[in-house]
Amino acid sequence: MTLFESGQDWAPRPARRPPRWRLRGTVFGIVLGTVAGVTLAATYLPSSPLAGAAAYSLSADLSPIADRIGFSDEGRDIFLTTRPQLLDSGDFRKACEGTPDGTVHGDFATVGCFYGLGEHFGRIAIFRPTDARLADQIVVTAAHEFLHAAYARLTSGEQARLDALLDKRWSTIAADDPIQASVDSSVGSAAENRSTEEFAYFGTEIADAVDPALEAYYARYFRDRGALVAIHDADRALRDGLEADYSAKADALAIREQANADAGAQLQADRAQLAADRAWYNRQADEYNALSPEVRARTYVADSGGTAGGEPYGSYLAGRLAEFATREADQSQRQSDLDAAEAAAPAARTEVERLYADIEALNVAAVPAT
């Protein structure tokens, strides 16, 4: 039997929540050997500005992303220094090896990383989703990873002042706010990365910094951080909107299916009752017709106490016979209405399944393939 075959109980499948991003900010040191079974190559990045390096310009696919982020001159310079890459699944997983590998881990998946060697320098890798609707995800991922690079370039004194501001502001965020789980996932066991993760998540996902001193750090890098957070919010709205549409239509379909089932069951019960009432009527009519005319003339409907009332029994039987026609017409109309409702159900089922499949496809497109 198929999921929606007539007669089968049906309930909408919950749409799988799209994985929240795991955006990694760890900068690796020189590592040779294996980490979690993965062989790491030694990628040497200088610990000072790229002296003598050829000028770097953004690729055609990254240039509009940088424009949408809205970098200040300082921010754009730092972004260029990271030589960011927008990568498909295989190349992204290679670039970010040693971090969680881009597969889904519970509610989280890795879609960006800041990696490489050197105390203050690293590279940015950004996963390229396979669905054009996820363009906003790319922008937010790039900005998040950029903030790790910006944090790494601060002096120790600047980091200490920023960390204090972050700790104070972060303490006002509810423990059950989803962003807390995102930070915890990105930090993992590397507690030393909490400040850079808080800096990156806060900068791209929370519009109101409250403290002007904290906002001043972000103002060094972005012309309008609020516009950047709005891009994050638009990405979440896309996903939430698809889920809300699916849930509303799936719930409506479930209600409709149940209403059709209830109506069918009630119609069947009412028909059985009509048949029983007809059988009773036929027996009563046969008995009544067997009486002599004189006795029929003296036969009246009795009340519950057995006392004869004022309605002749023949009139009562005639009224019951007329009711049968009315009840039959009502049941016929109800059957027509039920047939129409059931005929419309397949299109609604198809739409619900299409929405579900679209959400699933978007979830798959949002994260690197395993």
Protein backbone atom coordinates (compact mmCIF):
# COMPACT_ATOMS: atom_id res chain seq x y z
CA MET A 1 0.00 0.00 0.00
CA THR A 2 1.21 3.49 -0.75
CA LEU A 3 1.38 6.18 1.88
CA PHE A 4 -1.92 7.71 0.85
CA GLU A 5 -3.85 4.69 -0.32
CA SER A 6 -7.52 4.81 0.52
CA GLY A 7 -8.27 3.22 3.84
CA GLN A 8 -4.79 3.59 5.29
CA ASP A 9 -4.31 5.74 8.35
CA TRP A 10 -2.25 8.75 7.35
CA ALA A 11 -0.44 11.42 9.29
CA PRO A 12 1.91 14.04 7.89
CA ARG A 13 5.59 13.27 8.15
CA PRO A 14 7.46 15.92 10.10
CA ALA A 15 9.75 17.83 7.82
CA ARG A 16 13.34 17.24 8.83
CA ARG A 17 14.75 20.43 10.24
CA PRO A 18 17.59 21.69 8.12
CA PRO A 19 20.90 21.18 9.89
CA ARG A 20 22.17 24.25 11.67
CA TRP A 21 25.53 25.41 10.48
CA ARG A 22 28.71 24.37 12.19
CA LEU A 23 31.16 27.08 11.24
CA ARG A 24 34.65 26.27 12.38
CA GLY A 25 37.21 28.85 13.33
CA THR A 26 40.18 26.79 14.46
CA VAL A 27 43.54 27.73 13.00
CA PHE A 28 45.73 24.64 12.81
CA GLY A 29 49.39 24.59 13.69
CA ILE A 30 51.91 22.61 11.69
CA VAL A 31 50.70 19.03 11.88
CA LEU A 32 52.17 15.95 10.32
CA GLY A 33 50.70 12.56 10.94
CA THR A 34 47.10 11.69 11.62
CA VAL A 35 44.23 13.27 13.45
CA ALA A 36 41.14 11.12 13.91
CA GLY A 37 42.44 8.83 11.22
CA VAL A 38 42.89 11.63 8.69
CA THR A 39 46.33 12.38 7.31
CA LEU A 40 47.01 16.08 7.41
CA ALA A 41 49.34 17.76 4.96
CA ALA A 42 51.59 20.52 6.17
CA THR A 43 50.21 23.70 4.63
CA TYR A 44 52.64 26.48 5.39
CA LEU A 45 51.22 29.95 5.74
CA PRO A 46 53.46 32.85 6.75
CA SER A 47 53.15 34.32 10.24
CA SER A 48 53.62 37.79 8.79
CA PRO A 49 51.98 39.60 5.87
CA LEU A 50 52.42 37.89 2.54
CA ALA A 51 55.57 39.69 1.54
CA GLY A 52 56.30 39.30 -2.11
CA ALA A 53 53.07 37.43 -2.77
CA ALA A 54 51.24 38.24 -5.93
CA ALA A 55 48.27 40.54 -5.53
CA TYR A 56 45.12 38.57 -4.90
CA SER A 57 41.73 39.42 -6.34
CA LEU A 58 38.44 37.75 -5.59
CA SER A 59 37.08 35.23 -8.04
CA ALA A 60 34.01 36.09 -10.07
CA ASP A 61 31.80 34.02 -7.77
CA LEU A 62 33.19 35.50 -4.54
CA SER A 63 33.28 39.15 -5.55
CA PRO A 64 29.49 39.65 -5.36
CA ILE A 65 29.45 37.78 -2.06
CA ALA A 66 31.98 40.23 -0.63
CA ASP A 67 29.85 43.08 -1.96
CA ARG A 68 26.79 41.74 -0.20
CA ILE A 69 28.68 41.37 3.07
CA GLY A 70 29.45 45.06 2.89
CA PHE A 71 33.05 45.14 4.05
CA SER A 72 34.81 48.29 5.13
CA ASP A 73 38.18 48.86 3.51
CA GLU A 74 39.91 47.13 6.43
CA GLY A 75 37.47 44.25 6.32
CA ARG A 76 37.91 43.73 2.60
CA ASP A 77 41.69 43.77 2.95
CA ILE A 78 41.54 41.06 5.61
CA PHE A 79 39.11 39.03 3.55
CA LEU A 80 41.47 39.20 0.55
CA THR A 81 44.39 38.12 2.73
CA THR A 82 42.56 34.88 3.61
CA ARG A 83 42.37 33.99 -0.10
CA PRO A 84 38.83 32.65 0.38
CA GLN A 85 37.58 29.76 -1.69
CA LEU A 86 34.03 28.77 -2.60
CA LEU A 87 34.22 25.00 -2.93
CA ASP A 88 32.06 22.08 -3.94
CA SER A 89 31.69 19.11 -1.60
CA GLY A 90 34.87 17.17 -2.34
CA ASP A 91 37.25 20.12 -2.34
CA PHE A 92 35.56 21.65 0.69
CA ARG A 93 35.96 18.47 2.71
CA LYS A 94 39.65 18.32 1.77
CA ALA A 95 40.21 21.95 2.72
CA CYS A 96 38.49 21.52 6.06
CA GLU A 97 39.86 18.10 6.97
CA GLY A 98 40.71 17.91 10.63
CA THR A 99 37.57 19.84 11.45
CA PRO A 100 34.27 17.96 11.48
CA ASP A 101 34.06 16.80 7.91
CA GLY A 102 30.97 18.50 6.60
CA THR A 103 28.65 15.60 7.22
CA VAL A 104 25.61 16.08 9.40
CA HIS A 105 26.26 15.52 13.10
CA GLY A 106 22.90 15.54 14.83
CA ASP A 107 21.49 19.01 14.25
CA PHE A 108 24.70 20.52 12.87
CA ALA A 109 26.79 20.37 9.74
CA THR A 110 30.06 22.03 8.76
CA VAL A 111 29.66 24.51 5.90
CA GLY A 112 32.67 26.76 6.43
CA CYS A 113 36.07 26.78 8.07
CA PHE A 114 39.01 29.08 8.77
CA TYR A 115 42.07 26.91 8.48
CA GLY A 116 45.78 26.88 7.87
CA LEU A 117 49.03 27.56 9.68
CA GLY A 118 50.56 30.61 11.26
CA GLU A 119 49.73 32.57 14.35
CA HIS A 120 47.68 35.27 12.68
CA PHE A 121 46.95 34.06 9.20
CA GLY A 122 44.77 31.40 7.69
CA ARG A 123 42.49 30.68 4.79
CA ILE A 124 38.74 30.58 4.46
CA ALA A 125 36.85 27.74 2.82
CA ILE A 126 33.14 28.09 2.13
CA PHE A 127 30.88 25.29 0.98
CA ARG A 128 28.97 26.00 -2.22
CA PRO A 129 25.38 24.71 -1.83
CA THR A 130 23.85 23.04 -4.85
CA ASP A 131 20.59 25.01 -4.63
CA ALA A 132 20.51 28.62 -5.80
CA ARG A 133 18.04 29.48 -3.05
CA LEU A 134 20.85 29.08 -0.52
CA ALA A 135 22.83 32.09 -1.76
CA ASP A 136 22.28 33.81 1.58
CA GLN A 137 23.85 30.86 3.40
CA ILE A 138 27.06 31.46 1.43
CA VAL A 139 27.15 35.13 2.41
CA VAL A 140 26.64 34.46 6.11
CA THR A 141 29.17 31.62 6.09
CA ALA A 142 31.79 33.81 4.42
CA ALA A 143 31.18 36.64 6.91
CA HIS A 144 31.33 34.25 9.86
CA GLU A 145 34.65 32.76 8.78
CA PHE A 146 35.97 36.24 8.00
CA LEU A 147 35.31 37.27 11.61
CA HIS A 148 37.58 34.46 12.78
CA ALA A 149 40.32 35.93 10.60
CA ALA A 150 39.60 39.41 11.94
CA TYR A 151 39.70 38.17 15.54
CA ALA A 152 43.02 36.41 14.91
CA ARG A 153 44.54 39.68 13.72
CA LEU A 154 43.69 41.59 16.90
CA THR A 155 46.45 42.16 19.42
CA SER A 156 46.25 40.18 22.65
CA GLY A 157 45.15 43.35 24.45
CA GLU A 158 42.40 44.00 21.92
CA GLN A 159 41.26 40.39 22.19
CA ALA A 160 41.13 40.64 25.97
CA ARG A 161 38.97 43.78 25.83
CA LEU A 162 36.73 42.21 23.18
CA ASP A 163 36.41 38.97 25.14
CA ALA A 164 35.17 40.87 28.18
CA LEU A 165 32.56 42.65 26.08
CA LEU A 166 31.48 39.37 24.50
CA ASP A 167 31.20 37.63 27.86
CA LYS A 168 29.02 40.41 29.21
CA ARG A 169 26.73 40.49 26.17
CA TRP A 170 26.57 36.72 25.83
CA SER A 171 25.40 36.37 29.42
CA THR A 172 22.17 38.12 28.39
CA ILE A 173 21.32 35.47 25.79
CA ALA A 174 18.91 32.81 27.03
CA ALA A 175 20.41 29.40 27.66
CA ASP A 176 17.84 27.78 25.36
CA ASP A 177 18.44 30.19 22.48
CA PRO A 178 19.44 28.08 19.44
CA ILE A 179 22.57 30.19 18.95
CA GLN A 180 23.95 28.79 22.21
CA ALA A 181 23.85 25.27 20.80
CA SER A 182 25.48 26.51 17.59
CA VAL A 183 28.37 28.02 19.50
CA ASP A 184 28.77 24.95 21.70
CA SER A 185 28.92 22.74 18.61
CA SER A 186 31.50 24.93 16.89
CA VAL A 187 33.66 25.17 20.01
CA GLY A 188 33.50 21.46 20.72
CA SER A 189 36.34 20.47 23.04
CA ALA A 190 38.46 23.49 22.08
CA ALA A 191 37.35 25.83 24.87
CA GLU A 192 39.99 28.36 23.82
CA ASN A 193 37.95 29.03 20.69
CA ARG A 194 34.81 30.20 22.50
CA SER A 195 35.56 33.90 22.18
CA THR A 196 36.27 33.79 18.44
CA GLU A 197 33.13 31.71 17.91
CA GLU A 198 31.01 34.09 19.95
CA PHE A 199 32.47 36.98 17.98
CA ALA A 200 31.63 35.31 14.66
CA TYR A 201 28.14 34.08 15.56
CA PHE A 202 27.15 37.30 17.26
CA GLY A 203 28.42 39.42 14.40
CA THR A 204 26.41 37.58 11.76
CA GLU A 205 23.26 36.49 13.60
CA ILE A 206 22.33 39.01 16.32
CA ALA A 207 21.49 42.51 15.19
CA ASP A 208 21.57 44.37 18.49
CA ALA A 209 24.95 44.49 20.20
CA VAL A 210 23.55 46.89 22.87
CA ASP A 211 27.05 47.92 23.99
CA PRO A 212 28.49 50.58 21.64
CA ALA A 213 31.99 49.42 22.55
CA LEU A 214 31.22 45.94 21.22
CA GLU A 215 29.57 47.33 18.11
CA ALA A 216 32.65 49.42 17.48
CA TYR A 217 34.68 46.27 16.88
CA TYR A 218 32.31 45.18 14.16
CA ALA A 219 32.17 48.68 12.69
CA ARG A 220 35.84 48.29 11.80
CA TYR A 221 34.94 45.54 9.34
CA PHE A 222 31.38 46.14 8.10
CA ARG A 223 29.67 49.19 6.72
CA ASP A 224 26.27 47.97 7.92
CA ARG A 225 26.29 44.92 10.18
CA GLY A 226 22.51 45.09 10.52
CA ALA A 227 22.17 44.44 6.79
CA LEU A 228 24.40 41.40 7.17
CA VAL A 229 22.27 40.01 9.98
CA ALA A 230 19.23 40.63 7.79
CA ILE A 231 20.75 38.29 5.19
CA HIS A 232 21.07 35.62 7.89
CA ASP A 233 17.46 36.24 8.90
CA ALA A 234 16.34 35.95 5.27
CA ASP A 235 18.06 32.59 4.98
CA ARG A 236 16.31 31.36 8.12
CA ALA A 237 13.01 32.79 6.86
CA LEU A 238 13.36 30.80 3.64
CA ARG A 239 13.75 27.55 5.53
CA ASP A 240 11.17 28.39 8.19
CA GLY A 241 8.71 29.48 5.50
CA LEU A 242 9.01 26.20 3.64
CA GLU A 243 8.51 24.27 6.84
CA ALA A 244 5.54 26.40 7.88
CA ASP A 245 3.91 25.93 4.47
CA TYR A 246 4.48 22.19 4.63
CA SER A 247 3.21 21.93 8.20
CA ALA A 248 0.08 23.96 7.50
CA LYS A 249 -0.83 21.96 4.40
CA ALA A 250 0.10 18.63 5.97
CA ASP A 251 -2.00 19.42 9.03
CA ALA A 252 -4.91 20.54 6.86
CA LEU A 253 -4.64 17.35 4.83
CA ALA A 254 -4.57 15.22 7.97
CA ILE A 255 -7.67 17.01 9.25
CA ARG A 256 -9.37 16.57 5.88
CA GLU A 257 -8.48 12.89 5.73
CA GLN A 258 -9.80 12.36 9.23
CA ALA A 259 -12.96 14.30 8.44
CA ASN A 260 -13.51 12.16 5.34
CA ALA A 261 -12.95 8.99 7.34
CA ASP A 262 -15.33 10.17 10.06
CA ALA A 263 -17.94 11.20 7.49
CA GLY A 264 -17.67 7.83 5.75
CA ALA A 265 -18.00 5.95 9.01
CA GLN A 266 -20.98 8.04 10.09
CA LEU A 267 -22.63 7.62 6.71
CA GLN A 268 -22.19 3.86 6.93
CA ALA A 269 -23.67 3.84 10.43
CA ASP A 270 -26.60 6.02 9.35
CA ARG A 271 -27.32 3.73 6.41
CA ALA A 272 -27.30 0.73 8.71
CA GLN A 273 -29.70 2.53 11.02
CA LEU A 274 -31.94 3.45 8.08
CA ALA A 275 -32.03 -0.19 7.01
CA ALA A 276 -32.90 -1.28 10.56
CA ASP A 277 -35.61 1.37 10.78
CA ARG A 278 -37.05 0.23 7.45
CA ALA A 279 -37.12 -3.36 8.65
CA TRP A 280 -38.92 -2.26 11.82
CA TYR A 281 -41.34 -0.17 9.79
CA ASN A 282 -42.14 -3.07 7.47
CA ARG A 283 -42.91 -5.32 10.42
CA GLN A 284 -45.10 -2.68 12.03
CA ALA A 285 -46.86 -1.91 8.75
CA ASP A 286 -47.51 -5.62 8.13
CA GLU A 287 -48.99 -6.01 11.60
CA TYR A 288 -51.05 -2.86 11.25
CA ASN A 289 -52.37 -3.79 7.82
CA ALA A 290 -53.37 -7.21 9.15
CA LEU A 291 -55.78 -5.58 11.59
CA SER A 292 -59.40 -5.11 10.68
CA PRO A 293 -60.47 -1.64 9.64
CA GLU A 294 -62.36 -1.25 12.89
CA VAL A 295 -59.34 -2.13 15.01
CA ARG A 296 -57.04 0.08 12.92
CA ALA A 297 -59.41 2.97 13.52
CA ARG A 298 -59.04 2.48 17.28
CA THR A 299 -55.26 2.05 17.26
CA TYR A 300 -53.24 5.05 18.42
CA VAL A 301 -49.63 5.70 19.21
CA ALA A 302 -48.90 4.95 22.87
CA ASP A 303 -46.66 7.08 25.04
CA SER A 304 -43.79 5.72 27.10
CA GLY A 305 -46.17 4.76 29.88
CA GLY A 306 -48.34 2.69 27.54
CA THR A 307 -51.19 5.18 27.46
CA ALA A 308 -52.72 5.77 24.06
CA GLY A 309 -52.04 9.21 22.66
CA GLY A 310 -53.92 11.30 20.16
CA GLU A 311 -52.07 10.27 16.95
CA PRO A 312 -53.60 7.41 14.95
CA TYR A 313 -51.06 4.68 14.36
CA GLY A 314 -51.67 4.71 10.63
CA SER A 315 -50.78 8.42 10.49
CA TYR A 316 -47.65 7.72 12.52
CA LEU A 317 -46.54 4.99 10.08
CA ALA A 318 -47.17 7.27 7.13
CA GLY A 319 -44.96 9.94 8.71
CA ARG A 320 -42.20 7.42 9.29
CA LEU A 321 -42.42 6.30 5.66
CA ALA A 322 -42.02 9.93 4.51
CA GLU A 323 -38.97 10.33 6.76
CA PHE A 324 -37.23 7.50 4.95
CA ALA A 325 -37.29 9.42 1.70
CA THR A 326 -35.86 12.52 3.38
CA ARG A 327 -33.13 10.48 5.08
CA GLU A 328 -32.27 8.72 1.84
CA ALA A 329 -31.95 12.06 0.03
CA ASP A 330 -29.73 13.40 2.81
CA GLN A 331 -27.49 10.34 2.70
CA SER A 332 -27.27 10.58 -1.06
CA GLN A 333 -26.16 14.21 -0.82
CA ARG A 334 -23.62 13.36 1.90
CA GLN A 335 -22.23 10.60 -0.30
CA SER A 336 -21.82 13.06 -3.17
CA ASP A 337 -20.05 15.53 -0.88
CA LEU A 338 -17.78 12.77 0.44
CA ASP A 339 -16.98 11.59 -3.08
CA ALA A 340 -16.01 15.13 -4.06
CA ALA A 341 -13.83 15.56 -0.96
CA GLU A 342 -12.06 12.26 -1.57
CA ALA A 343 -11.58 13.11 -5.24
CA ALA A 344 -9.85 16.36 -4.24
CA ALA A 345 -7.58 14.66 -1.70
CA PRO A 346 -4.98 13.22 -4.12
CA ALA A 347 -4.02 16.68 -5.39
CA ALA A 348 -3.59 17.90 -1.82
CA ARG A 349 -1.55 14.82 -0.97
CA THR A 350 0.65 15.39 -3.99
CA GLU A 351 1.27 18.98 -2.93
CA VAL A 352 2.17 17.95 0.61
CA GLU A 353 4.58 15.33 -0.68
CA ARG A 354 6.09 17.87 -3.08
CA LEU A 355 6.70 20.31 -0.24
CA TYR A 356 8.23 17.59 1.89
CA ALA A 357 10.53 16.51 -0.93
CA ASP A 358 11.53 20.13 -1.55
CA ILE A 359 12.54 20.58 2.09
CA GLU A 360 14.50 17.35 2.03
CA ALA A 361 16.23 18.39 -1.20
CA LEU A 362 17.12 21.79 0.26
CA ASN A 363 18.54 20.11 3.36
CA VAL A 364 20.71 17.89 1.19
CA ALA A 365 21.85 20.83 -0.94
CA ALA A 366 22.76 22.90 2.13
CA VAL A 367 25.57 20.64 3.36
CA PRO A 368 28.55 18.91 1.74
CA ALA A 369 27.86 15.44 0.39
CA THR A 370 29.30 12.62 2.45
